[in-house]
């Protein structure tokens, strides 16, 4: 009987670990999508700023903040 209880306990632990794994896998997939979207946004903004600078516009990063 003691061995049966150990097996049941191990199966319960395995079930909890599998559930946690599935939950974390979903979270990682969601984060991956968000990161890809942010990378696209940063790339687009960098391209826009490069175009502005190529047209001779003032480099915003070189300007002091408005509260100075």
Protein backbone atom coordinates (compact mmCIF):
# COMPACT_ATOMS: atom_id res chain seq x y z
CA UNK A 1 0.00 0.00 0.00
CA UNK A 2 2.84 2.38 0.78
CA UNK A 3 4.22 2.00 -2.72
CA UNK A 4 0.78 2.69 -4.20
CA UNK A 5 0.57 5.93 -2.19
CA UNK A 6 4.01 6.97 -3.46
CA UNK A 7 2.98 6.31 -7.04
CA UNK A 8 -0.22 8.32 -6.60
CA UNK A 9 1.75 11.18 -5.03
CA UNK A 10 4.27 11.14 -7.89
CA UNK A 11 1.47 11.12 -10.47
CA UNK A 12 -0.14 14.11 -8.76
CA UNK A 13 3.15 15.99 -8.76
CA UNK A 14 3.66 15.15 -12.42
CA UNK A 15 0.17 16.40 -13.26
CA UNK A 16 0.87 19.71 -11.49
CA UNK A 17 4.22 20.07 -13.24
CA UNK A 18 2.65 19.38 -16.63
CA UNK A 19 -0.05 21.98 -15.95
CA UNK A 20 2.57 24.54 -14.91
CA UNK A 21 4.60 23.71 -18.03
CA UNK A 22 1.59 24.23 -20.28
CA UNK A 23 0.73 27.52 -18.55
CA UNK A 24 4.28 28.81 -18.90
CA UNK A 25 4.49 27.68 -22.50
CA UNK A 26 1.45 29.80 -23.31
CA UNK A 27 2.92 32.78 -21.50
CA UNK A 28 6.21 32.45 -23.38
CA UNK A 29 4.37 32.26 -26.71
CA UNK A 30 2.40 35.39 -25.82
CA UNK A 31 5.57 37.24 -24.81
CA UNK A 32 7.25 36.19 -28.03
CA UNK A 33 4.44 37.76 -30.07
CA UNK A 34 4.61 40.97 -28.03
CA UNK A 35 8.39 41.17 -28.42
CA UNK A 36 8.14 40.70 -32.18
CA UNK A 37 5.56 43.49 -32.37
CA UNK A 38 7.74 45.80 -30.28
CA UNK A 39 10.78 45.02 -32.43
CA UNK A 40 8.80 45.92 -35.56
CA UNK A 41 7.67 49.17 -33.95
CA UNK A 42 11.20 50.12 -32.91
CA UNK A 43 12.52 49.29 -36.38
CA UNK A 44 9.79 51.44 -37.98
CA UNK A 45 10.49 54.36 -35.65
CA UNK A 46 14.24 54.10 -36.29
CA UNK A 47 13.61 54.15 -40.04
CA UNK A 48 11.35 57.18 -39.73
CA UNK A 49 13.93 59.04 -37.67
CA UNK A 50 16.66 58.15 -40.16
CA UNK A 51 14.49 59.54 -42.97
CA UNK A 52 13.86 62.73 -41.00
CA UNK A 53 17.57 63.18 -40.42
CA UNK A 54 18.33 62.48 -44.08
CA UNK A 55 15.91 65.26 -45.02
CA UNK A 56 17.86 67.63 -42.80
CA UNK A 57 15.42 67.79 -39.90
CA UNK A 58 16.71 68.58 -36.44
CA UNK A 59 17.89 65.55 -34.49
CA UNK A 60 15.40 65.35 -31.65
CA UNK A 61 17.81 63.41 -29.43
CA UNK A 62 20.25 66.36 -29.49
CA UNK A 63 17.64 68.86 -28.29
CA UNK A 64 17.26 69.48 -24.53
CA UNK A 65 13.93 68.52 -22.97
CA UNK A 66 11.25 71.24 -23.00
CA UNK A 67 11.42 71.78 -19.25
CA UNK A 68 15.05 72.97 -19.40
